[in-house]
Amino acid sequence: MKLKPPMWLPYLDPVLAAGVGGGVGYWLEIGFWPTLAVALICGFTPILAYRLWKRLHHRR
């Protein structure tokens, strides 16, 4: 059985970035730039996971 990645996974990035960035910024009371860095990292994670999943399962 071949598993496919969810099609909505790349579109999760704006929601995840806003939620995690806002939550970490509020909870840790850090400045703008560290909050932005956390939001960017969490925003690109679903895109990278989707591409990695596609690459690993395409080779089979």
PDB file of N, CA and C in Angstrom:
ATOM      1  N   MET A   1       0.843  -1.179   0.000  1.00  0.00           N
ATOM      2  CA  MET A   1       0.000   0.000   0.000  1.00  0.00           C
ATOM      3  C   MET A   1       0.885   1.237   0.000  1.00  0.00           C
ATOM      4  N   LYS A   2       0.685   2.097  -0.943  1.00  0.00           N
ATOM      5  CA  LYS A   2       1.484   3.302  -1.078  1.00  0.00           C
ATOM      6  C   LYS A   2       0.762   4.475  -0.415  1.00  0.00           C
ATOM      7  N   LEU A   3       1.422   5.086   0.544  1.00  0.00           N
ATOM      8  CA  LEU A   3       0.830   6.221   1.242  1.00  0.00           C
ATOM      9  C   LEU A   3       1.137   7.506   0.500  1.00  0.00           C
ATOM     10  N   LYS A   4       0.149   8.363   0.435  1.00  0.00           N
ATOM     11  CA  LYS A   4       0.326   9.674  -0.182  1.00  0.00           C
ATOM     12  C   LYS A   4       0.325  10.725   0.911  1.00  0.00           C
ATOM     13  N   PRO A   5       1.126  11.763   0.737  1.00  0.00           N
ATOM     14  CA  PRO A   5       1.062  12.846   1.720  1.00  0.00           C
ATOM     15  C   PRO A   5      -0.252  13.599   1.564  1.00  0.00           C
ATOM     16  N   PRO A   6      -0.762  14.147   2.648  1.00  0.00           N
ATOM     17  CA  PRO A   6      -2.006  14.906   2.531  1.00  0.00           C
ATOM     18  C   PRO A   6      -1.819  16.107   1.614  1.00  0.00           C
ATOM     19  N   MET A   7      -2.793  16.361   0.775  1.00  0.00           N
ATOM     20  CA  MET A   7      -2.681  17.456  -0.192  1.00  0.00           C
ATOM     21  C   MET A   7      -2.723  18.823   0.480  1.00  0.00           C
ATOM     22  N   TRP A   8      -3.258  18.917   1.684  1.00  0.00           N
ATOM     23  CA  TRP A   8      -3.359  20.187   2.376  1.00  0.00           C
ATOM     24  C   TRP A   8      -2.088  20.516   3.157  1.00  0.00           C
ATOM     25  N   LEU A   9      -1.125  19.612   3.205  1.00  0.00           N
ATOM     26  CA  LEU A   9       0.069  19.825   4.020  1.00  0.00           C
ATOM     27  C   LEU A   9       0.842  21.090   3.646  1.00  0.00           C
ATOM     28  N   PRO A  10       1.102  21.402   2.376  1.00  0.00           N
ATOM     29  CA  PRO A  10       1.822  22.639   2.074  1.00  0.00           C
ATOM     30  C   PRO A  10       1.041  23.905   2.415  1.00  0.00           C
ATOM     31  N   TYR A  11      -0.285  23.804   2.480  1.00  0.00           N
ATOM     32  CA  TYR A  11      -1.106  24.985   2.768  1.00  0.00           C
ATOM     33  C   TYR A  11      -1.266  25.241   4.259  1.00  0.00           C
ATOM     34  N   LEU A  12      -0.679  24.379   5.063  1.00  0.00           N
ATOM     35  CA  LEU A  12      -0.742  24.538   6.508  1.00  0.00           C
ATOM     36  C   LEU A  12       0.231  25.609   6.997  1.00  0.00           C
ATOM     37  N   ASP A  13       1.194  25.978   6.173  1.00  0.00           N
ATOM     38  CA  ASP A  13       2.275  26.848   6.635  1.00  0.00           C
ATOM     39  C   ASP A  13       1.838  28.220   7.131  1.00  0.00           C
ATOM     40  N   PRO A  14       0.901  28.959   6.521  1.00  0.00           N
ATOM     41  CA  PRO A  14       0.543  30.258   7.091  1.00  0.00           C
ATOM     42  C   PRO A  14      -0.138  30.147   8.449  1.00  0.00           C
ATOM     43  N   VAL A  15      -0.990  29.149   8.597  1.00  0.00           N
ATOM     44  CA  VAL A  15      -1.681  28.953   9.870  1.00  0.00           C
ATOM     45  C   VAL A  15      -0.697  28.556  10.958  1.00  0.00           C
ATOM     46  N   LEU A  16       0.183  27.629  10.631  1.00  0.00           N
ATOM     47  CA  LEU A  16       1.177  27.170  11.595  1.00  0.00           C
ATOM     48  C   LEU A  16       2.142  28.287  11.965  1.00  0.00           C
ATOM     49  N   ALA A  17       2.582  29.054  10.984  1.00  0.00           N
ATOM     50  CA  ALA A  17       3.514  30.152  11.251  1.00  0.00           C
ATOM     51  C   ALA A  17       2.884  31.209  12.148  1.00  0.00           C
ATOM     52  N   ALA A  18       1.660  31.567  11.863  1.00  0.00           N
ATOM     53  CA  ALA A  18       0.993  32.589  12.674  1.00  0.00           C
ATOM     54  C   ALA A  18       0.736  32.090  14.086  1.00  0.00           C
ATOM     55  N   GLY A  19       0.274  30.879  14.203  1.00  0.00           N
ATOM     56  CA  GLY A  19      -0.035  30.331  15.520  1.00  0.00           C
ATOM     57  C   GLY A  19       1.196  30.152  16.397  1.00  0.00           C
ATOM     58  N   VAL A  20       2.203  29.515  15.852  1.00  0.00           N
ATOM     59  CA  VAL A  20       3.411  29.266  16.637  1.00  0.00           C
ATOM     60  C   VAL A  20       4.177  30.555  16.878  1.00  0.00           C
ATOM     61  N   GLY A  21       4.311  31.384  15.874  1.00  0.00           N
ATOM     62  CA  GLY A  21       5.020  32.652  16.056  1.00  0.00           C
ATOM     63  C   GLY A  21       4.346  33.543  17.086  1.00  0.00           C
ATOM     64  N   GLY A  22       3.044  33.673  16.993  1.00  0.00           N
ATOM     65  CA  GLY A  22       2.314  34.481  17.966  1.00  0.00           C
ATOM     66  C   GLY A  22       2.349  33.884  19.355  1.00  0.00           C
ATOM     67  N   GLY A  23       2.198  32.572  19.432  1.00  0.00           N
ATOM     68  CA  GLY A  23       2.226  31.909  20.737  1.00  0.00           C
ATOM     69  C   GLY A  23       3.573  32.012  21.422  1.00  0.00           C
ATOM     70  N   VAL A  24       4.630  31.757  20.677  1.00  0.00           N
ATOM     71  CA  VAL A  24       5.978  31.845  21.252  1.00  0.00           C
ATOM     72  C   VAL A  24       6.313  33.287  21.598  1.00  0.00           C
ATOM     73  N   GLY A  25       5.969  34.203  20.728  1.00  0.00           N
ATOM     74  CA  GLY A  25       6.237  35.615  21.012  1.00  0.00           C
ATOM     75  C   GLY A  25       5.516  36.111  22.244  1.00  0.00           C
ATOM     76  N   TYR A  26       4.289  35.654  22.427  1.00  0.00           N
ATOM     77  CA  TYR A  26       3.506  36.081  23.590  1.00  0.00           C
ATOM     78  C   TYR A  26       3.985  35.382  24.863  1.00  0.00           C
ATOM     79  N   TRP A  27       4.234  34.066  24.754  1.00  0.00           N
ATOM     80  CA  TRP A  27       4.588  33.277  25.919  1.00  0.00           C
ATOM     81  C   TRP A  27       5.975  33.625  26.437  1.00  0.00           C
ATOM     82  N   LEU A  28       6.950  33.748  25.547  1.00  0.00           N
ATOM     83  CA  LEU A  28       8.317  34.037  25.968  1.00  0.00           C
ATOM     84  C   LEU A  28       8.607  35.525  26.079  1.00  0.00           C
ATOM     85  N   GLU A  29       7.691  36.350  25.587  1.00  0.00           N
ATOM     86  CA  GLU A  29       7.851  37.798  25.601  1.00  0.00           C
ATOM     87  C   GLU A  29       9.183  38.218  24.969  1.00  0.00           C
ATOM     88  N   ILE A  30       9.413  37.687  23.775  1.00  0.00           N
ATOM     89  CA  ILE A  30      10.627  38.034  23.040  1.00  0.00           C
ATOM     90  C   ILE A  30      10.290  39.124  22.033  1.00  0.00           C
ATOM     91  N   GLY A  31      11.299  39.668  21.422  1.00  0.00           N
ATOM     92  CA  GLY A  31      11.101  40.771  20.494  1.00  0.00           C
ATOM     93  C   GLY A  31      10.567  40.333  19.143  1.00  0.00           C
ATOM     94  N   PHE A  32      10.539  41.295  18.239  1.00  0.00           N
ATOM     95  CA  PHE A  32       9.969  41.072  16.908  1.00  0.00           C
ATOM     96  C   PHE A  32      10.809  40.105  16.083  1.00  0.00           C
ATOM     97  N   TRP A  33      12.130  40.303  16.034  1.00  0.00           N
ATOM     98  CA  TRP A  33      12.975  39.492  15.156  1.00  0.00           C
ATOM     99  C   TRP A  33      13.040  38.027  15.572  1.00  0.00           C
ATOM    100  N   PRO A  34      13.198  37.703  16.859  1.00  0.00           N
ATOM    101  CA  PRO A  34      13.141  36.273  17.213  1.00  0.00           C
ATOM    102  C   PRO A  34      11.770  35.649  16.932  1.00  0.00           C
ATOM    103  N   THR A  35      10.713  36.414  17.138  1.00  0.00           N
ATOM    104  CA  THR A  35       9.376  35.904  16.831  1.00  0.00           C
ATOM    105  C   THR A  35       9.225  35.663  15.336  1.00  0.00           C
ATOM    106  N   LEU A  36       9.734  36.555  14.537  1.00  0.00           N
ATOM    107  CA  LEU A  36       9.687  36.384  13.084  1.00  0.00           C
ATOM    108  C   LEU A  36      10.496  35.162  12.654  1.00  0.00           C
ATOM    109  N   ALA A  37      11.649  34.964  13.260  1.00  0.00           N
ATOM    110  CA  ALA A  37      12.477  33.802  12.926  1.00  0.00           C
ATOM    111  C   ALA A  37      11.746  32.498  13.255  1.00  0.00           C
ATOM    112  N   VAL A  38      11.114  32.441  14.414  1.00  0.00           N
ATOM    113  CA  VAL A  38      10.351  31.245  14.792  1.00  0.00           C
ATOM    114  C   VAL A  38       9.189  31.028  13.824  1.00  0.00           C
ATOM    115  N   ALA A  39       8.503  32.086  13.461  1.00  0.00           N
ATOM    116  CA  ALA A  39       7.376  31.960  12.535  1.00  0.00           C
ATOM    117  C   ALA A  39       7.842  31.479  11.163  1.00  0.00           C
ATOM    118  N   LEU A  40       8.957  31.976  10.691  1.00  0.00           N
ATOM    119  CA  LEU A  40       9.466  31.532   9.382  1.00  0.00           C
ATOM    120  C   LEU A  40       9.885  30.071   9.405  1.00  0.00           C
ATOM    121  N   ILE A  41      10.551  29.663  10.462  1.00  0.00           N
ATOM    122  CA  ILE A  41      10.968  28.259  10.569  1.00  0.00           C
ATOM    123  C   ILE A  41       9.744  27.348  10.610  1.00  0.00           C
ATOM    124  N   CYS A  42       8.774  27.693  11.428  1.00  0.00           N
ATOM    125  CA  CYS A  42       7.564  26.863  11.526  1.00  0.00           C
ATOM    126  C   CYS A  42       6.701  26.968  10.276  1.00  0.00           C
ATOM    127  N   GLY A  43       6.804  28.047   9.555  1.00  0.00           N
ATOM    128  CA  GLY A  43       6.032  28.193   8.331  1.00  0.00           C
ATOM    129  C   GLY A  43       6.576  27.359   7.193  1.00  0.00           C
ATOM    130  N   PHE A  44       7.882  27.209   7.126  1.00  0.00           N
ATOM    131  CA  PHE A  44       8.471  26.434   6.041  1.00  0.00           C
ATOM    132  C   PHE A  44       8.575  24.945   6.341  1.00  0.00           C
ATOM    133  N   THR A  45       8.375  24.552   7.581  1.00  0.00           N
ATOM    134  CA  THR A  45       8.482  23.145   7.948  1.00  0.00           C
ATOM    135  C   THR A  45       7.480  22.258   7.202  1.00  0.00           C
ATOM    136  N   PRO A  46       6.178  22.604   7.093  1.00  0.00           N
ATOM    137  CA  PRO A  46       5.265  21.726   6.339  1.00  0.00           C
ATOM    138  C   PRO A  46       5.621  21.608   4.856  1.00  0.00           C
ATOM    139  N   ILE A  47       6.125  22.675   4.272  1.00  0.00           N
ATOM    140  CA  ILE A  47       6.517  22.617   2.860  1.00  0.00           C
ATOM    141  C   ILE A  47       7.686  21.662   2.678  1.00  0.00           C
ATOM    142  N   LEU A  48       8.683  21.784   3.543  1.00  0.00           N
ATOM    143  CA  LEU A  48       9.846  20.899   3.461  1.00  0.00           C
ATOM    144  C   LEU A  48       9.472  19.453   3.753  1.00  0.00           C
ATOM    145  N   ALA A  49       8.581  19.230   4.714  1.00  0.00           N
ATOM    146  CA  ALA A  49       8.145  17.864   5.015  1.00  0.00           C
ATOM    147  C   ALA A  49       7.409  17.254   3.830  1.00  0.00           C
ATOM    148  N   TYR A  50       6.566  18.035   3.171  1.00  0.00           N
ATOM    149  CA  TYR A  50       5.836  17.547   2.003  1.00  0.00           C
ATOM    150  C   TYR A  50       6.793  17.178   0.870  1.00  0.00           C
ATOM    151  N   ARG A  51       7.747  18.055   0.608  1.00  0.00           N
ATOM    152  CA  ARG A  51       8.698  17.771  -0.484  1.00  0.00           C
ATOM    153  C   ARG A  51       9.579  16.568  -0.167  1.00  0.00           C
ATOM    154  N   LEU A  52       9.988  16.444   1.095  1.00  0.00           N
ATOM    155  CA  LEU A  52      10.795  15.296   1.502  1.00  0.00           C
ATOM    156  C   LEU A  52       9.999  14.011   1.369  1.00  0.00           C
ATOM    157  N   TRP A  53       8.737  14.040   1.789  1.00  0.00           N
ATOM    158  CA  TRP A  53       7.869  12.875   1.666  1.00  0.00           C
ATOM    159  C   TRP A  53       7.725  12.474   0.202  1.00  0.00           C
ATOM    160  N   LYS A  54       7.459  13.450  -0.657  1.00  0.00           N
ATOM    161  CA  LYS A  54       7.304  13.141  -2.082  1.00  0.00           C
ATOM    162  C   LYS A  54       8.587  12.575  -2.679  1.00  0.00           C
ATOM    163  N   ARG A  55       9.729  13.112  -2.300  1.00  0.00           N
ATOM    164  CA  ARG A  55      10.998  12.654  -2.842  1.00  0.00           C
ATOM    165  C   ARG A  55      11.309  11.232  -2.379  1.00  0.00           C
ATOM    166  N   LEU A  56      11.083  10.945  -1.108  1.00  0.00           N
ATOM    167  CA  LEU A  56      11.397   9.610  -0.589  1.00  0.00           C
ATOM    168  C   LEU A  56      10.467   8.555  -1.155  1.00  0.00           C
ATOM    169  N   HIS A  57       9.201   8.874  -1.346  1.00  0.00           N
ATOM    170  CA  HIS A  57       8.255   7.891  -1.842  1.00  0.00           C
ATOM    171  C   HIS A  57       8.240   7.805  -3.363  1.00  0.00           C
ATOM    172  N   HIS A  58       8.825   8.777  -4.039  1.00  0.00           N
ATOM    173  CA  HIS A  58       8.891   8.729  -5.498  1.00  0.00           C
ATOM    174  C   HIS A  58       9.965   7.751  -5.971  1.00  0.00           C
ATOM    175  N   ARG A  59      10.977   7.551  -5.155  1.00  0.00           N
ATOM    176  CA  ARG A  59      12.088   6.658  -5.524  1.00  0.00           C
ATOM    177  C   ARG A  59      11.691   5.193  -5.500  1.00  0.00           C
ATOM    178  N   ARG A  60      10.639   4.837  -4.792  1.00  0.00           N
ATOM    179  CA  ARG A  60      10.263   3.423  -4.686  1.00  0.00           C
ATOM    180  C   ARG A  60       9.690   2.884  -5.948  1.00  0.00           C
TER     181      ARG A  60
END
